[in-house]
Protein backbone atom coordinates (compact mmCIF):
# COMPACT_ATOMS: atom_id res chain seq x y z
CA MET A 1 48.05 85.32 67.14
CA GLY A 2 47.90 88.75 68.78
CA GLU A 3 44.89 87.87 70.91
CA LEU A 4 46.62 84.78 72.29
CA MET A 5 49.73 86.72 73.26
CA GLU A 6 47.66 89.47 74.86
CA ALA A 7 45.72 86.86 76.84
CA ARG A 8 48.94 85.19 77.97
CA ARG A 9 50.31 88.54 79.12
CA ALA A 10 47.05 89.10 81.00
CA VAL A 11 47.57 85.77 82.81
CA ARG A 12 51.10 86.85 83.75
CA ASP A 13 49.98 90.27 84.89
CA SER A 14 47.04 88.94 86.93
CA ARG A 15 49.11 87.05 89.49
CA GLY A 16 47.61 87.48 92.93
CA ASP A 17 44.14 88.34 91.59
CA GLU A 18 42.22 85.07 91.34
CA ALA A 19 39.27 86.52 89.40
CA ALA A 20 41.53 88.27 86.88
CA THR A 21 43.60 85.11 86.43
CA LYS A 22 40.48 83.03 85.77
CA SER A 23 39.25 85.56 83.24
CA ALA A 24 42.63 85.73 81.50
CA ARG A 25 42.86 81.94 81.30
CA GLN A 26 39.41 81.85 79.72
CA ARG A 27 40.69 84.34 77.11
CA VAL A 28 43.72 82.10 76.44
CA ASN A 29 41.43 79.12 75.94
CA ALA A 30 39.11 81.06 73.61
CA ALA A 31 42.08 82.24 71.55
CA LYS A 32 43.46 78.70 71.26
CA VAL A 33 40.06 77.39 70.15
CA ALA A 34 39.88 80.14 67.53
CA LEU A 35 43.34 79.15 66.27
CA GLY A 36 42.37 75.48 66.06
CA GLU A 37 44.73 74.38 68.83
CA ARG A 38 41.83 73.23 70.98
CA GLY A 39 38.29 72.18 70.34
CA GLY A 40 36.81 69.81 67.83
CA VAL A 41 38.71 68.19 65.02
CA TRP A 42 38.52 70.33 61.89
CA TRP A 43 40.78 68.34 59.57
CA GLU A 44 38.74 65.15 59.41
CA ASP A 45 39.08 63.79 55.90
CA GLY A 46 38.13 60.18 56.60
CA ALA A 47 41.71 58.92 56.24
CA PRO A 48 42.98 56.65 59.00
CA ASP A 49 45.25 58.25 61.58
CA PHE A 50 48.64 56.54 61.76
CA ASN A 51 50.02 58.90 64.38
CA GLN A 52 52.00 57.06 67.05
CA HIS A 53 52.18 53.85 65.00
CA LEU A 54 55.39 52.15 64.00
CA VAL A 55 55.97 52.92 60.34
CA LYS A 56 56.39 49.20 59.63
CA LYS A 57 52.76 48.75 60.68
CA THR A 58 51.42 51.38 58.27
CA PRO A 59 50.94 51.70 54.51
CA TYR A 60 54.07 53.88 54.48
CA GLU A 61 56.41 50.98 55.28
CA ASP A 62 57.77 50.56 51.71
CA TRP A 63 58.22 54.30 51.21
CA PHE A 64 60.09 54.65 54.50
CA ALA A 65 62.39 51.73 53.68
CA GLN A 66 63.63 53.66 50.62
CA ILE A 67 64.77 56.67 52.62
CA LYS A 68 68.54 56.77 53.03
CA GLU A 69 70.05 57.70 56.38
CA PRO A 70 72.16 60.87 56.23
CA THR A 71 75.88 60.35 56.62
CA ASP A 72 78.21 62.85 58.21
């Protein structure tokens, strides 16, 4: 994570210098790719992605129905 923070500081410190800002932003991007935040999918396991689906339209519907709402 150190490289990402250093690159972000370089972006901050490069204000007013277009070439330095471009270079620093490229470093930020490279660091994020290295951390897995950007770039190709690395977690592909063949399972369907139910992200942004209503739970009632997924195989998790029965499980979710059993969860009790917290009471204050």
